[in-house]
Amino acid sequence: MEKKEAYTFTSADAENYDFYLGPVIFEPYGQYLATNIDTTGLKHVLELAGGTGRVTRHLRRALPASVELWATDLSNDMLAIAKRELGEENINFKAEDIQQLSFADNTFDLVVCQFGMMFLPDKQQGFNEICRVLKPGGKLMCFTWDSTLNNPLFRLLINELMLPHFEDEDTARFFTPFSLHNPQQLKGWMKNAGFKDIVVDTINLTSGTASMEHLETGVFRKHPLGKAVFDKYPSAFEAVAQKFKEGIVERWGDGDISFPMSALLTIGIK
């Protein structure tokens, strides 16, 4: 049986991802990550799963101009947007699979990865590769989403509104971005890869502001989650969209909306 994927962003999906989700969901954590980097002694920095460059921009501004920054992603469609927006910013762009990095051993002083590790088929191999390309004493800073139960926008959409329509099949794919929220599991992979001084902290931030229509469009109508509903039950698509809007308004109002978000920041030293 063909494995179904719920989070594939290519072509127009990548543009929608950047426009709708970028400023609302990813900017706050990108800013947090960049402002918590100790730049002392850094010469070579690698960003993994950089997507459309939302975090990359903040990294480049936070790092001294002399620091070589590589921004990578598995998707060329995502990277194309990053290059378009940041192509003149002293950044090296490259398509990379975290599980098979092309860089030499002991190359980087710092590796950052925001919301990418959850999608790897072989997560241990991903952490192994990151440790391999880090210099001794180098650091990994890695964000992964907390459970949907602690991310109320997605708890509303996925747990409450979508799951009842998929009771006859495996729904694990909808939770892939929120699947790495167990600190002991994260520490185990990191330790096995060769990291030490591993710390996992829960970071609670507030989203960027957006209208109800912006959220409904970006998180459902023009999102692979909405496509999953439409593909299975076209007649349910508008009903879910309407309930999503009503749930947003009920929880956060109908003006400039912001909502709480929760993620885990895992840090380790090679």
Protein backbone atom coordinates (compact mmCIF):
# COMPACT_ATOMS: atom_id res chain seq x y z
CA MET A 1 0.00 0.00 0.00
CA GLU A 2 1.32 3.42 -0.94
CA LYS A 3 2.24 5.49 2.09
CA LYS A 4 0.25 8.68 2.31
CA GLU A 5 2.01 11.93 3.14
CA ALA A 6 0.27 14.90 4.76
CA TYR A 7 3.00 17.53 4.62
CA THR A 8 4.57 17.88 1.17
CA PHE A 9 5.28 21.46 0.07
CA THR A 10 6.26 21.89 -3.57
CA SER A 11 5.66 24.56 -6.19
CA ALA A 12 2.58 26.62 -5.23
CA ASP A 13 2.45 24.88 -1.85
CA ALA A 14 5.89 26.29 -1.04
CA GLU A 15 4.73 29.82 -1.90
CA ASN A 16 1.62 29.40 0.28
CA TYR A 17 3.75 27.96 3.09
CA ASP A 18 5.97 31.04 3.07
CA PHE A 19 3.20 33.62 2.68
CA TYR A 20 0.62 32.21 5.10
CA LEU A 21 2.60 30.21 7.65
CA GLY A 22 5.98 31.97 7.59
CA PRO A 23 5.17 35.21 9.42
CA VAL A 24 2.64 33.67 11.77
CA ILE A 25 4.17 30.39 12.91
CA PHE A 26 7.86 30.29 11.98
CA GLU A 27 9.07 33.87 12.50
CA PRO A 28 8.68 33.88 16.30
CA TYR A 29 10.82 30.77 16.75
CA GLY A 30 13.30 31.93 14.13
CA GLN A 31 13.81 35.17 16.01
CA TYR A 32 14.11 33.32 19.31
CA LEU A 33 16.69 30.91 17.91
CA ALA A 34 18.82 33.62 16.32
CA THR A 35 18.87 35.83 19.41
CA ASN A 36 19.97 32.90 21.61
CA ILE A 37 23.05 31.98 19.59
CA ASP A 38 26.42 32.54 21.22
CA THR A 39 28.44 33.84 18.28
CA THR A 40 31.78 33.62 20.08
CA GLY A 41 34.33 31.83 17.93
CA LEU A 42 31.91 30.89 15.18
CA LYS A 43 33.37 30.58 11.68
CA HIS A 44 31.16 28.04 9.87
CA VAL A 45 27.41 27.61 10.49
CA LEU A 46 25.01 25.15 8.86
CA GLU A 47 21.23 25.52 8.76
CA LEU A 48 19.26 22.37 7.98
CA ALA A 49 15.65 22.24 6.75
CA GLY A 50 15.88 25.99 6.16
CA GLY A 51 12.77 26.00 3.98
CA THR A 52 11.92 29.37 2.48
CA GLY A 53 14.56 31.20 4.53
CA ARG A 54 12.44 32.54 7.37
CA VAL A 55 15.03 31.49 9.96
CA THR A 56 17.94 32.05 7.59
CA ARG A 57 17.32 35.79 7.47
CA HIS A 58 17.51 36.07 11.26
CA LEU A 59 20.62 33.88 11.39
CA ARG A 60 22.45 36.04 8.86
CA ARG A 61 21.62 39.18 10.82
CA ALA A 62 22.67 37.62 14.13
CA LEU A 63 25.97 36.21 12.88
CA PRO A 64 29.07 38.32 12.21
CA ALA A 65 29.60 39.02 8.52
CA SER A 66 32.78 36.93 8.59
CA VAL A 67 30.84 33.75 9.48
CA GLU A 68 30.22 31.42 6.54
CA LEU A 69 26.53 30.43 6.54
CA TRP A 70 25.14 27.47 4.61
CA ALA A 71 21.34 27.32 4.27
CA THR A 72 20.05 23.94 3.12
CA ASP A 73 16.77 22.15 2.53
CA LEU A 74 15.63 18.93 0.90
CA SER A 75 13.16 20.82 -1.32
CA ASN A 76 14.48 22.85 -4.25
CA ASP A 77 11.11 24.62 -4.43
CA MET A 78 11.57 25.86 -0.87
CA LEU A 79 15.17 26.89 -1.54
CA ALA A 80 14.14 28.80 -4.65
CA ILE A 81 12.04 31.12 -2.49
CA ALA A 82 14.88 31.55 0.01
CA LYS A 83 17.30 32.40 -2.80
CA ARG A 84 14.83 34.87 -4.29
CA GLU A 85 14.39 36.66 -0.97
CA LEU A 86 17.92 36.39 0.42
CA GLY A 87 20.16 35.78 -2.57
CA GLU A 88 22.22 38.90 -1.98
CA GLU A 89 22.77 38.29 1.73
CA ASN A 90 26.12 36.43 1.83
CA ILE A 91 24.50 33.00 2.20
CA ASN A 92 25.42 29.71 0.53
CA PHE A 93 22.34 27.74 -0.55
CA LYS A 94 22.38 24.01 -1.20
CA ALA A 95 19.88 21.14 -1.45
CA GLU A 96 20.73 18.61 1.24
CA ASP A 97 19.23 15.48 2.80
CA ILE A 98 19.93 15.57 6.53
CA GLN A 99 20.35 11.79 6.51
CA GLN A 100 23.11 11.99 3.86
CA LEU A 101 24.92 15.29 4.25
CA SER A 102 27.53 16.04 1.59
CA PHE A 103 29.79 18.04 3.90
CA ALA A 104 33.07 16.69 5.29
CA ASP A 105 33.56 15.54 8.85
CA ASN A 106 34.28 18.24 11.43
CA THR A 107 33.27 21.17 9.22
CA PHE A 108 30.89 23.32 11.28
CA ASP A 109 30.99 25.12 14.61
CA LEU A 110 27.19 25.30 14.85
CA VAL A 111 24.28 23.46 13.23
CA VAL A 112 20.72 24.74 13.58
CA CYS A 113 17.57 22.96 12.52
CA GLN A 114 14.13 24.44 13.06
CA PHE A 115 11.18 22.08 12.62
CA GLY A 116 12.85 19.64 10.26
CA MET A 117 13.90 16.55 12.18
CA MET A 118 10.31 15.31 12.57
CA PHE A 119 10.10 14.52 8.86
CA LEU A 120 13.15 12.24 8.62
CA PRO A 121 12.40 8.56 7.97
CA ASP A 122 15.57 7.65 9.92
CA LYS A 123 15.92 10.17 12.72
CA GLN A 124 18.88 8.48 14.37
CA GLN A 125 20.78 8.66 11.08
CA GLY A 126 19.94 12.36 10.88
CA PHE A 127 21.39 13.06 14.30
CA ASN A 128 24.42 10.89 13.44
CA GLU A 129 25.09 12.95 10.32
CA ILE A 130 24.74 16.24 12.17
CA CYS A 131 27.24 15.08 14.78
CA ARG A 132 29.61 13.92 12.04
CA VAL A 133 29.79 17.32 10.30
CA LEU A 134 30.19 19.25 13.55
CA LYS A 135 33.65 20.05 14.83
CA PRO A 136 34.59 18.69 18.26
CA GLY A 137 33.00 21.12 20.72
CA GLY A 138 30.49 22.22 18.09
CA LYS A 139 26.83 22.72 18.97
CA LEU A 140 23.47 21.62 17.62
CA MET A 141 20.38 23.77 18.29
CA CYS A 142 17.23 21.97 17.18
CA PHE A 143 13.56 22.99 17.43
CA THR A 144 10.78 20.40 17.23
CA TRP A 145 7.09 21.07 17.79
CA ASP A 146 5.39 20.05 20.99
CA SER A 147 2.28 17.85 20.83
CA THR A 148 -0.84 19.21 19.15
CA LEU A 149 -2.40 19.07 22.63
CA ASN A 150 -0.09 21.97 23.52
CA ASN A 151 -0.52 23.78 20.17
CA PRO A 152 -4.18 24.80 20.24
CA LEU A 153 -4.55 25.96 16.63
CA PHE A 154 -3.55 22.53 15.36
CA ARG A 155 -5.36 20.72 18.15
CA LEU A 156 -8.52 22.46 16.93
CA LEU A 157 -7.96 21.59 13.27
CA ILE A 158 -6.45 18.11 13.49
CA ASN A 159 -7.68 16.53 16.73
CA GLU A 160 -11.12 18.07 16.87
CA LEU A 161 -12.18 18.68 13.27
CA MET A 162 -10.24 16.35 10.97
CA LEU A 163 -9.85 13.07 12.83
CA PRO A 164 -13.58 12.20 12.87
CA HIS A 165 -13.44 12.04 9.07
CA PHE A 166 -10.52 9.59 9.03
CA GLU A 167 -11.53 7.03 11.64
CA ASP A 168 -11.15 4.20 9.12
CA GLU A 169 -7.43 4.75 8.48
CA ASP A 170 -4.09 5.45 10.13
CA THR A 171 -3.98 9.15 11.00
CA ALA A 172 -0.39 9.25 12.25
CA ARG A 173 0.64 11.22 9.16
CA PHE A 174 -1.33 14.24 10.35
CA PHE A 175 0.75 14.34 13.53
CA THR A 176 4.18 14.03 11.89
CA PRO A 177 5.25 17.65 12.62
CA PHE A 178 4.25 17.14 16.26
CA SER A 179 5.79 13.71 16.73
CA LEU A 180 9.10 14.64 18.42
CA HIS A 181 7.91 16.00 21.74
CA ASN A 182 9.37 13.36 24.08
CA PRO A 183 12.52 14.80 25.72
CA GLN A 184 13.87 11.36 26.66
CA GLN A 185 13.52 10.15 23.07
CA LEU A 186 15.33 13.23 21.77
CA LYS A 187 18.09 12.85 24.35
CA GLY A 188 18.45 9.18 23.44
CA TRP A 189 19.02 9.87 19.74
CA MET A 190 21.42 12.71 20.58
CA LYS A 191 23.43 10.57 23.01
CA ASN A 192 23.60 7.68 20.55
CA ALA A 193 24.90 10.07 17.89
CA GLY A 194 27.74 11.20 20.14
CA PHE A 195 26.41 14.40 21.72
CA LYS A 196 26.96 15.38 25.35
CA ASP A 197 25.64 18.09 27.68
CA ILE A 198 22.19 17.57 26.13
CA VAL A 199 19.41 19.88 27.30
CA VAL A 200 15.77 19.88 26.16
CA ASP A 201 13.64 22.89 27.10
CA THR A 202 10.02 23.69 26.30
CA ILE A 203 9.76 27.13 24.70
CA ASN A 204 6.31 28.73 24.72
CA LEU A 205 5.87 31.68 22.38
CA THR A 206 3.02 33.68 20.89
CA SER A 207 2.37 33.49 17.16
CA GLY A 208 2.55 36.39 14.79
CA THR A 209 -0.75 38.15 14.20
CA ALA A 210 -3.10 37.24 11.37
CA SER A 211 -6.73 37.55 10.43
CA MET A 212 -9.16 34.66 10.77
CA GLU A 213 -9.33 34.46 6.96
CA HIS A 214 -5.53 34.30 6.71
CA LEU A 215 -5.39 31.38 9.14
CA GLU A 216 -8.28 29.54 7.55
CA THR A 217 -6.71 29.88 4.10
CA GLY A 218 -3.11 29.13 5.05
CA VAL A 219 -3.64 26.35 7.55
CA PHE A 220 -6.56 24.65 5.80
CA ARG A 221 -7.79 25.80 2.40
CA LYS A 222 -4.33 26.09 0.78
CA HIS A 223 -2.60 23.60 3.07
CA PRO A 224 -2.02 19.88 2.46
CA LEU A 225 -4.25 19.19 5.49
CA GLY A 226 -7.18 20.74 3.68
CA LYS A 227 -6.29 18.79 0.56
CA ALA A 228 -6.41 15.55 2.56
CA VAL A 229 -9.97 16.34 3.65
CA PHE A 230 -11.05 17.35 0.14
CA ASP A 231 -9.52 14.26 -1.45
CA LYS A 232 -11.35 11.90 0.89
CA TYR A 233 -14.60 13.73 1.58
CA PRO A 234 -15.13 16.65 -0.81
CA SER A 235 -18.56 17.24 0.69
CA ALA A 236 -17.00 17.77 4.14
CA PHE A 237 -14.43 20.35 3.03
CA GLU A 238 -16.58 23.48 3.43
CA ALA A 239 -18.07 22.24 6.70
CA VAL A 240 -14.63 21.70 8.22
CA ALA A 241 -13.48 25.11 6.93
CA GLN A 242 -16.50 26.80 8.52
CA LYS A 243 -16.03 25.03 11.84
CA PHE A 244 -12.36 25.94 11.79
CA LYS A 245 -13.23 29.62 11.34
CA GLU A 246 -15.83 29.45 14.09
CA GLY A 247 -13.36 27.75 16.42
CA ILE A 248 -10.72 30.39 15.76
CA VAL A 249 -13.16 33.22 16.48
CA GLU A 250 -14.46 31.49 19.61
CA ARG A 251 -10.96 31.07 21.03
CA TRP A 252 -9.10 34.17 19.82
CA GLY A 253 -11.63 36.64 18.43
CA ASP A 254 -12.14 37.94 14.90
CA GLY A 255 -9.61 40.79 14.72
CA ASP A 256 -5.83 40.56 14.68
CA ILE A 257 -5.40 37.05 16.01
CA SER A 258 -2.44 35.55 17.81
CA PHE A 259 -2.34 32.23 19.63
CA PRO A 260 -0.01 30.29 21.94
CA MET A 261 2.57 27.92 20.49
CA SER A 262 4.81 25.35 22.15
CA ALA A 263 8.03 23.74 20.91
CA LEU A 264 11.03 21.91 22.30
CA LEU A 265 14.56 23.30 21.93
CA THR A 266 17.17 20.56 22.07
CA ILE A 267 20.82 21.58 22.44
CA GLY A 268 23.84 19.30 22.49
CA ILE A 269 27.64 19.53 22.19
CA LYS A 270 29.83 17.20 20.16
